[in-house]
Structures are given as structure tokens and as C-alpha cells.
Amino acid sequence: MKISNNKKEQVDALQNLLQKTYDAEAGYKQVMTKAENEPLKNWLQIRAARRSQFANELDAHIRNFNAEPVAKGTALGSAHRTWIDIKSAMSFNTDEAILEECVRGEEASINEYKEQISNVNFNPEVRKLLVNQKEMVTADLKTVNALEEVVS
């Protein structure tokens, strides 16, 4: 089945967001194991689960376009997780370093959502999903910023 340009454009954008969502989920799982504060570990675990939910939603919409979803994140995401390992190993305050990286990751996610939403003519159902996901990431960023103030 040939995908029209608009469908192909939507699928490509959703694939991109799916890869970044896999990266975010893996990042949250990784830093969760390094966090020292138990409530922070729990919060990170909930964020990882939310990103897993996002991935499932994106996956379903990609399949609705009769396309095969990507199965993993990006090489850049993997490199970022390596950087987190190095930074947290060298940091005196691991939780603060973790939160700094969470802020960086959430800001990148928000920018990616904004770019895709503004540049792709998504169908209304997909657009609504992406706007909702972006709003949840924005709320998470506000929480991370508040947590960072408490921990530092």
C-alpha cells in the first residue's frame, strides 16, 4: 500500500517522536537506578512508565497508517545515557546531576513535539494526542525544575 505524502509525513514524524520517546524512557530507567533519594526514584519510575505509555500510543497510531513502528531509540539517545553515567559518577550530588539531565531531556522533548506539531499537518486525532503528550512533558519539566531547586 502506497502512503500518500501527508500520511508518509505523519508516519515519519511519529517515528521520530517514537524513537525519542524510547530514548526518554530508557533515560528515566537508567537514572532511576542511580538516584539516591527514594521518592525521587519513585518519581523517575513513574516518568519511565508514562513514556512507555506514550510509546504505545505512538506505536498504535503508526500502525493505523499501516506502517511498522521503529523498535528502538536513537544513537544520540544512547550517547546521552553514556554521558549521564560519566557525569553522575563524577558528581558529588548524584540526584542534582540526575535532575539537571532530566531538565535537559524534557526541554529537548518539548522542542521536538513543538517542531513536529507545527511542521506536520497531522489528522485531528493524532494532533490531539501529541498536544496532550507535550503538555504532560511540560508539566513534568515544571516538576523537575521544582525538584532541582529542593535538591541543590
N, C-alpha and C. Protein backbone atom coordinates (compact mmCIF):
# COMPACT_ATOMS: atom_id res chain seq x y z
N MET A 1 0.84 -1.19 0.00
CA MET A 1 0.00 0.00 0.00
C MET A 1 0.89 1.25 0.00
N LYS A 2 0.68 2.10 -0.95
CA LYS A 2 1.46 3.33 -1.04
C LYS A 2 0.89 4.35 -0.05
N ILE A 3 1.79 5.00 0.66
CA ILE A 3 1.39 6.03 1.63
C ILE A 3 1.44 7.38 0.92
N SER A 4 0.36 8.14 1.03
CA SER A 4 0.35 9.47 0.43
C SER A 4 1.38 10.34 1.14
N ASN A 5 1.75 11.44 0.51
CA ASN A 5 2.76 12.32 1.11
C ASN A 5 2.38 12.75 2.51
N ASN A 6 1.11 13.14 2.73
CA ASN A 6 0.72 13.57 4.07
C ASN A 6 0.80 12.41 5.06
N LYS A 7 0.34 11.25 4.66
CA LYS A 7 0.44 10.09 5.56
C LYS A 7 1.90 9.75 5.83
N LYS A 8 2.72 9.77 4.77
CA LYS A 8 4.14 9.48 4.94
C LYS A 8 4.78 10.50 5.88
N GLU A 9 4.43 11.76 5.70
CA GLU A 9 4.97 12.82 6.55
C GLU A 9 4.54 12.59 8.01
N GLN A 10 3.29 12.22 8.22
CA GLN A 10 2.81 11.94 9.57
C GLN A 10 3.53 10.74 10.17
N VAL A 11 3.68 9.68 9.39
CA VAL A 11 4.37 8.48 9.88
C VAL A 11 5.82 8.80 10.23
N ASP A 12 6.50 9.53 9.36
CA ASP A 12 7.90 9.88 9.64
C ASP A 12 8.02 10.69 10.93
N ALA A 13 7.12 11.64 11.12
CA ALA A 13 7.14 12.46 12.33
C ALA A 13 6.84 11.61 13.57
N LEU A 14 5.86 10.72 13.45
CA LEU A 14 5.52 9.85 14.58
C LEU A 14 6.68 8.90 14.89
N GLN A 15 7.34 8.39 13.86
CA GLN A 15 8.51 7.51 14.07
C GLN A 15 9.61 8.26 14.83
N ASN A 16 9.83 9.51 14.43
CA ASN A 16 10.84 10.33 15.09
C ASN A 16 10.49 10.51 16.57
N LEU A 17 9.23 10.87 16.83
CA LEU A 17 8.79 11.04 18.22
C LEU A 17 8.87 9.71 18.99
N LEU A 18 8.56 8.61 18.33
CA LEU A 18 8.63 7.30 18.99
C LEU A 18 10.06 6.99 19.40
N GLN A 19 11.02 7.24 18.50
CA GLN A 19 12.42 7.00 18.85
C GLN A 19 12.84 7.84 20.05
N LYS A 20 12.46 9.10 20.04
CA LYS A 20 12.81 10.00 21.15
C LYS A 20 12.12 9.57 22.44
N THR A 21 10.92 9.03 22.32
CA THR A 21 10.20 8.54 23.49
C THR A 21 10.90 7.32 24.07
N TYR A 22 11.37 6.42 23.19
CA TYR A 22 12.16 5.28 23.67
C TYR A 22 13.40 5.77 24.40
N ASP A 23 14.05 6.80 23.85
CA ASP A 23 15.25 7.36 24.50
C ASP A 23 14.90 7.90 25.89
N ALA A 24 13.80 8.64 25.98
CA ALA A 24 13.41 9.22 27.27
C ALA A 24 13.08 8.13 28.28
N GLU A 25 12.35 7.11 27.85
CA GLU A 25 12.00 6.01 28.75
C GLU A 25 13.28 5.33 29.26
N ALA A 26 14.19 5.02 28.36
CA ALA A 26 15.45 4.37 28.75
C ALA A 26 16.26 5.28 29.68
N GLY A 27 16.25 6.58 29.40
CA GLY A 27 16.97 7.52 30.25
C GLY A 27 16.41 7.55 31.66
N TYR A 28 15.08 7.60 31.76
CA TYR A 28 14.46 7.60 33.09
C TYR A 28 14.77 6.31 33.84
N LYS A 29 14.71 5.18 33.14
CA LYS A 29 15.03 3.90 33.80
C LYS A 29 16.47 3.88 34.29
N GLN A 30 17.36 4.44 33.47
CA GLN A 30 18.77 4.46 33.83
C GLN A 30 19.02 5.32 35.07
N VAL A 31 18.51 6.55 35.06
CA VAL A 31 18.80 7.43 36.20
C VAL A 31 18.07 6.99 37.46
N MET A 32 16.97 6.27 37.28
CA MET A 32 16.24 5.76 38.44
C MET A 32 17.15 4.85 39.28
N THR A 33 18.00 4.08 38.61
CA THR A 33 18.89 3.17 39.34
C THR A 33 20.02 3.91 40.03
N LYS A 34 20.30 5.14 39.60
CA LYS A 34 21.40 5.91 40.17
C LYS A 34 20.94 6.89 41.26
N ALA A 35 19.64 7.18 41.29
CA ALA A 35 19.12 8.15 42.27
C ALA A 35 19.33 7.62 43.68
N GLU A 36 19.64 8.53 44.58
CA GLU A 36 19.87 8.16 45.97
C GLU A 36 18.61 8.33 46.82
N ASN A 37 17.78 9.29 46.45
CA ASN A 37 16.58 9.63 47.19
C ASN A 37 15.42 8.72 46.74
N GLU A 38 14.80 8.02 47.70
CA GLU A 38 13.74 7.06 47.35
C GLU A 38 12.52 7.71 46.69
N PRO A 39 12.02 8.85 47.20
CA PRO A 39 10.90 9.49 46.50
C PRO A 39 11.28 9.90 45.07
N LEU A 40 12.52 10.32 44.86
CA LEU A 40 12.98 10.67 43.51
C LEU A 40 12.99 9.43 42.63
N LYS A 41 13.48 8.31 43.16
CA LYS A 41 13.46 7.05 42.40
C LYS A 41 12.03 6.71 41.96
N ASN A 42 11.09 6.84 42.87
CA ASN A 42 9.69 6.54 42.55
C ASN A 42 9.16 7.49 41.48
N TRP A 43 9.49 8.76 41.59
CA TRP A 43 9.04 9.74 40.61
C TRP A 43 9.61 9.40 39.22
N LEU A 44 10.89 9.04 39.19
CA LEU A 44 11.54 8.68 37.92
C LEU A 44 10.91 7.42 37.33
N GLN A 45 10.55 6.48 38.18
CA GLN A 45 9.90 5.25 37.71
C GLN A 45 8.55 5.56 37.07
N ILE A 46 7.81 6.47 37.67
CA ILE A 46 6.51 6.87 37.11
C ILE A 46 6.72 7.56 35.77
N ARG A 47 7.77 8.39 35.64
CA ARG A 47 8.05 9.06 34.36
C ARG A 47 8.40 8.03 33.29
N ALA A 48 9.19 7.02 33.65
CA ALA A 48 9.54 5.98 32.68
C ALA A 48 8.28 5.25 32.22
N ALA A 49 7.39 4.96 33.15
CA ALA A 49 6.13 4.28 32.80
C ALA A 49 5.28 5.16 31.89
N ARG A 50 5.27 6.46 32.15
CA ARG A 50 4.50 7.38 31.31
C ARG A 50 5.06 7.38 29.89
N ARG A 51 6.38 7.38 29.76
CA ARG A 51 6.98 7.36 28.43
C ARG A 51 6.70 6.04 27.72
N SER A 52 6.62 4.97 28.47
CA SER A 52 6.23 3.69 27.87
C SER A 52 4.81 3.78 27.32
N GLN A 53 3.94 4.43 28.08
CA GLN A 53 2.56 4.65 27.62
C GLN A 53 2.55 5.51 26.35
N PHE A 54 3.35 6.58 26.34
CA PHE A 54 3.46 7.42 25.15
C PHE A 54 3.88 6.58 23.95
N ALA A 55 4.90 5.72 24.16
CA ALA A 55 5.40 4.88 23.07
C ALA A 55 4.29 3.97 22.54
N ASN A 56 3.52 3.39 23.43
CA ASN A 56 2.42 2.53 22.99
C ASN A 56 1.40 3.30 22.18
N GLU A 57 1.10 4.53 22.59
CA GLU A 57 0.13 5.35 21.86
C GLU A 57 0.67 5.73 20.47
N LEU A 58 1.94 6.13 20.41
CA LEU A 58 2.54 6.48 19.13
C LEU A 58 2.61 5.25 18.21
N ASP A 59 2.99 4.12 18.78
CA ASP A 59 3.05 2.86 18.05
C ASP A 59 1.70 2.55 17.41
N ALA A 60 0.64 2.69 18.19
CA ALA A 60 -0.71 2.38 17.68
C ALA A 60 -1.08 3.29 16.51
N HIS A 61 -0.74 4.56 16.60
CA HIS A 61 -1.08 5.49 15.51
C HIS A 61 -0.24 5.19 14.26
N ILE A 62 0.99 4.81 14.44
CA ILE A 62 1.83 4.43 13.29
C ILE A 62 1.22 3.21 12.61
N ARG A 63 0.81 2.24 13.40
CA ARG A 63 0.18 1.03 12.83
C ARG A 63 -1.14 1.37 12.14
N ASN A 64 -1.87 2.38 12.64
CA ASN A 64 -3.11 2.81 11.98
C ASN A 64 -2.85 3.31 10.56
N PHE A 65 -1.62 3.75 10.31
CA PHE A 65 -1.22 4.18 8.96
C PHE A 65 -0.64 3.01 8.16
N ASN A 66 -0.81 1.79 8.68
CA ASN A 66 -0.28 0.57 8.04
C ASN A 66 1.23 0.63 7.87
N ALA A 67 1.91 1.19 8.85
CA ALA A 67 3.36 1.26 8.84
C ALA A 67 3.90 0.49 10.04
N GLU A 68 5.14 0.07 9.93
CA GLU A 68 5.80 -0.68 11.00
C GLU A 68 6.58 0.29 11.89
N PRO A 69 6.23 0.37 13.18
CA PRO A 69 6.94 1.29 14.09
C PRO A 69 8.39 0.89 14.29
N VAL A 70 9.24 1.90 14.51
CA VAL A 70 10.63 1.63 14.86
C VAL A 70 10.66 0.87 16.18
N ALA A 71 11.73 0.12 16.39
CA ALA A 71 11.78 -0.75 17.57
C ALA A 71 12.67 -0.21 18.68
N LYS A 72 13.46 0.84 18.40
CA LYS A 72 14.38 1.32 19.44
C LYS A 72 14.65 2.80 19.26
N GLY A 73 15.37 3.35 20.22
CA GLY A 73 15.69 4.77 20.22
C GLY A 73 16.83 5.11 19.28
N THR A 74 17.40 6.28 19.48
CA THR A 74 18.43 6.81 18.60
C THR A 74 19.83 6.58 19.16
N ALA A 75 20.82 6.67 18.28
CA ALA A 75 22.22 6.59 18.71
C ALA A 75 22.56 7.78 19.60
N LEU A 76 22.00 8.94 19.29
CA LEU A 76 22.23 10.13 20.11
C LEU A 76 21.69 9.93 21.53
N GLY A 77 20.54 9.28 21.65
CA GLY A 77 19.97 8.99 22.97
C GLY A 77 20.87 8.06 23.76
N SER A 78 21.43 7.09 23.09
CA SER A 78 22.35 6.15 23.74
C SER A 78 23.60 6.89 24.22
N ALA A 79 24.11 7.78 23.39
CA ALA A 79 25.29 8.57 23.78
C ALA A 79 24.97 9.47 24.97
N HIS A 80 23.77 10.02 25.00
CA HIS A 80 23.37 10.87 26.13
C HIS A 80 23.32 10.06 27.42
N ARG A 81 22.84 8.83 27.36
CA ARG A 81 22.80 7.99 28.56
C ARG A 81 24.22 7.66 29.04
N THR A 82 25.16 7.49 28.11
CA THR A 82 26.56 7.28 28.48
C THR A 82 27.09 8.52 29.20
N TRP A 83 26.74 9.69 28.68
CA TRP A 83 27.16 10.95 29.31
C TRP A 83 26.59 11.04 30.73
N ILE A 84 25.36 10.62 30.91
CA ILE A 84 24.76 10.64 32.25
C ILE A 84 25.56 9.73 33.19
N ASP A 85 25.96 8.56 32.72
CA ASP A 85 26.77 7.66 33.54
C ASP A 85 28.05 8.34 33.99
N ILE A 86 28.73 8.98 33.05
CA ILE A 86 30.00 9.65 33.37
C ILE A 86 29.76 10.80 34.34
N LYS A 87 28.78 11.62 34.04
CA LYS A 87 28.51 12.79 34.87
C LYS A 87 28.11 12.40 36.29
N SER A 88 27.24 11.39 36.42
CA SER A 88 26.80 11.00 37.76
C SER A 88 27.93 10.32 38.53
N ALA A 89 28.83 9.64 37.84
CA ALA A 89 29.97 9.02 38.51
C ALA A 89 30.92 10.07 39.07
N MET A 90 31.01 11.21 38.40
CA MET A 90 31.93 12.27 38.81
C MET A 90 31.28 13.29 39.74
N SER A 91 29.98 13.19 39.94
CA SER A 91 29.25 14.21 40.70
C SER A 91 29.20 13.86 42.18
N PHE A 92 29.33 14.90 43.00
CA PHE A 92 29.18 14.71 44.44
C PHE A 92 27.71 14.59 44.82
N ASN A 93 26.85 15.25 44.08
CA ASN A 93 25.42 15.19 44.33
C ASN A 93 24.74 14.54 43.13
N THR A 94 24.65 13.22 43.17
CA THR A 94 24.11 12.45 42.06
C THR A 94 22.68 12.87 41.73
N ASP A 95 21.85 13.08 42.75
CA ASP A 95 20.46 13.45 42.49
C ASP A 95 20.36 14.78 41.76
N GLU A 96 21.21 15.73 42.12
CA GLU A 96 21.20 17.02 41.43
C GLU A 96 21.62 16.84 39.97
N ALA A 97 22.66 16.04 39.72
CA ALA A 97 23.12 15.78 38.35
C ALA A 97 22.02 15.09 37.54
N ILE A 98 21.32 14.16 38.17
CA ILE A 98 20.22 13.46 37.50
C ILE A 98 19.14 14.45 37.09
N LEU A 99 18.77 15.32 38.01
CA LEU A 99 17.71 16.29 37.72
C LEU A 99 18.13 17.26 36.63
N GLU A 100 19.40 17.66 36.62
CA GLU A 100 19.88 18.54 35.55
C GLU A 100 19.71 17.86 34.19
N GLU A 101 20.04 16.59 34.11
CA GLU A 101 19.89 15.86 32.85
C GLU A 101 18.42 15.65 32.50
N CYS A 102 17.58 15.47 33.51
CA CYS A 102 16.14 15.36 33.26
C CYS A 102 15.60 16.66 32.66
N VAL A 103 16.06 17.79 33.18
CA VAL A 103 15.64 19.08 32.64
C VAL A 103 16.07 19.18 31.17
N ARG A 104 17.30 18.85 30.90
CA ARG A 104 17.80 18.91 29.53
C ARG A 104 16.97 18.00 28.61
N GLY A 105 16.70 16.79 29.06
CA GLY A 105 15.93 15.85 28.26
C GLY A 105 14.49 16.30 28.03
N GLU A 106 13.86 16.84 29.08
CA GLU A 106 12.48 17.29 28.93
C GLU A 106 12.39 18.49 28.00
N GLU A 107 13.35 19.41 28.11
CA GLU A 107 13.36 20.56 27.20
C GLU A 107 13.51 20.11 25.75
N ALA A 108 14.38 19.13 25.52
CA ALA A 108 14.55 18.60 24.16
C ALA A 108 13.27 17.93 23.67
N SER A 109 12.59 17.20 24.56
CA SER A 109 11.32 16.54 24.18
C SER A 109 10.26 17.57 23.80
N ILE A 110 10.14 18.61 24.61
CA ILE A 110 9.15 19.65 24.34
C ILE A 110 9.43 20.31 22.98
N ASN A 111 10.70 20.61 22.73
CA ASN A 111 11.07 21.22 21.46
C ASN A 111 10.75 20.30 20.28
N GLU A 112 10.99 19.01 20.45
CA GLU A 112 10.69 18.05 19.38
C GLU A 112 9.19 17.99 19.11
N TYR A 113 8.39 17.94 20.18
CA TYR A 113 6.93 17.94 20.00
C TYR A 113 6.49 19.22 19.29
N LYS A 114 6.99 20.37 19.75
CA LYS A 114 6.61 21.64 19.13
C LYS A 114 6.94 21.65 17.64
N GLU A 115 8.15 21.19 17.32
CA GLU A 115 8.57 21.18 15.92
C GLU A 115 7.67 20.29 15.07
N GLN A 116 7.41 19.09 15.55
CA GLN A 116 6.58 18.16 14.77
C GLN A 116 5.15 18.68 14.65
N ILE A 117 4.60 19.19 15.74
CA ILE A 117 3.21 19.67 15.72
C ILE A 117 3.07 20.87 14.77
N SER A 118 4.06 21.74 14.75
CA SER A 118 3.95 22.95 13.91
C SER A 118 4.30 22.68 12.45
N ASN A 119 5.10 21.65 12.17
CA ASN A 119 5.56 21.42 10.80
C ASN A 119 4.83 20.35 10.04
N VAL A 120 4.01 19.56 10.72
CA VAL A 120 3.32 18.44 10.06
C VAL A 120 1.82 18.64 10.19
N ASN A 121 1.12 18.39 9.11
CA ASN A 121 -0.34 18.51 9.09
C ASN A 121 -0.94 17.17 9.55
N PHE A 122 -0.96 16.97 10.87
CA PHE A 122 -1.49 15.73 11.44
C PHE A 122 -3.01 15.73 11.35
N ASN A 123 -3.57 14.51 11.30
CA ASN A 123 -5.02 14.43 11.41
C ASN A 123 -5.40 14.85 12.83
N PRO A 124 -6.65 15.28 13.04
CA PRO A 124 -7.04 15.84 14.35
C PRO A 124 -6.79 14.89 15.53
N GLU A 125 -7.03 13.61 15.35
CA GLU A 125 -6.83 12.65 16.45
C GLU A 125 -5.36 12.58 16.87
N VAL A 126 -4.47 12.51 15.89
CA VAL A 126 -3.03 12.43 16.18
C VAL A 126 -2.55 13.75 16.78
N ARG A 127 -3.00 14.87 16.20
CA ARG A 127 -2.61 16.18 16.74
C ARG A 127 -3.01 16.30 18.21
N LYS A 128 -4.23 15.88 18.55
CA LYS A 128 -4.70 15.95 19.93
C LYS A 128 -3.80 15.11 20.84
N LEU A 129 -3.46 13.90 20.41
CA LEU A 129 -2.57 13.04 21.18
C LEU A 129 -1.23 13.73 21.43
N LEU A 130 -0.65 14.28 20.37
CA LEU A 130 0.67 14.90 20.50
C LEU A 130 0.63 16.14 21.39
N VAL A 131 -0.40 16.93 21.28
CA VAL A 131 -0.54 18.11 22.14
C VAL A 131 -0.67 17.66 23.60
N ASN A 132 -1.46 16.63 23.85
CA ASN A 132 -1.62 16.12 25.22
C ASN A 132 -0.29 15.59 25.77
N GLN A 133 0.44 14.84 24.94
CA GLN A 133 1.73 14.32 25.39
C GLN A 133 2.69 15.47 25.69
N LYS A 134 2.72 16.47 24.82
CA LYS A 134 3.60 17.63 25.03
C LYS A 134 3.24 18.34 26.32
N GLU A 135 1.95 18.48 26.59
CA GLU A 135 1.52 19.14 27.83
C GLU A 135 1.95 18.35 29.06
N MET A 136 1.91 17.02 28.99
CA MET A 136 2.37 16.20 30.12
C MET A 136 3.87 16.35 30.32
N VAL A 137 4.63 16.41 29.22
CA VAL A 137 6.07 16.59 29.34
C VAL A 137 6.36 17.98 29.92
N THR A 138 5.60 18.98 29.51
CA THR A 138 5.77 20.33 30.05
C THR A 138 5.50 20.35 31.56
N ALA A 139 4.47 19.65 31.98
CA ALA A 139 4.17 19.56 33.42
C ALA A 139 5.31 18.85 34.15
N ASP A 140 5.84 17.80 33.53
CA ASP A 140 6.97 17.09 34.14
C ASP A 140 8.19 18.01 34.26
N LEU A 141 8.42 18.83 33.24
CA LEU A 141 9.55 19.77 33.29
C LEU A 141 9.39 20.74 34.46
N LYS A 142 8.19 21.23 34.67
CA LYS A 142 7.95 22.14 35.80
C LYS A 142 8.25 21.44 37.12
N THR A 143 7.85 20.18 37.23
CA THR A 143 8.12 19.41 38.44
C THR A 143 9.62 19.18 38.62
N VAL A 144 10.31 18.83 37.54
CA VAL A 144 11.76 18.61 37.62
C VAL A 144 12.46 19.89 38.06
N ASN A 145 12.05 21.02 37.50
CA ASN A 145 12.66 22.29 37.91
C ASN A 145 12.44 22.56 39.39
N ALA A 146 11.27 22.26 39.90
CA ALA A 146 10.98 22.44 41.32
C ALA A 146 11.81 21.47 42.16
N LEU A 147 11.91 20.24 41.73
CA LEU A 147 12.72 19.24 42.45
C LEU A 147 14.19 19.65 42.47
N GLU A 148 14.65 20.19 41.35
CA GLU A 148 16.04 20.61 41.26
C GLU A 148 16.35 21.70 42.28
N GLU A 149 15.40 22.61 42.48
CA GLU A 149 15.57 23.67 43.48
C GLU A 149 15.68 23.10 44.89
N VAL A 150 14.92 22.06 45.18
CA VAL A 150 14.91 21.43 46.51
C VAL A 150 16.20 20.66 46.75
N VAL A 151 16.68 19.95 45.73
CA VAL A 151 17.84 19.08 45.88
C VAL A 151 19.15 19.86 45.90
N SER A 152 19.22 20.97 45.14
CA SER A 152 20.50 21.69 45.03
C SER A 152 20.78 22.54 46.26
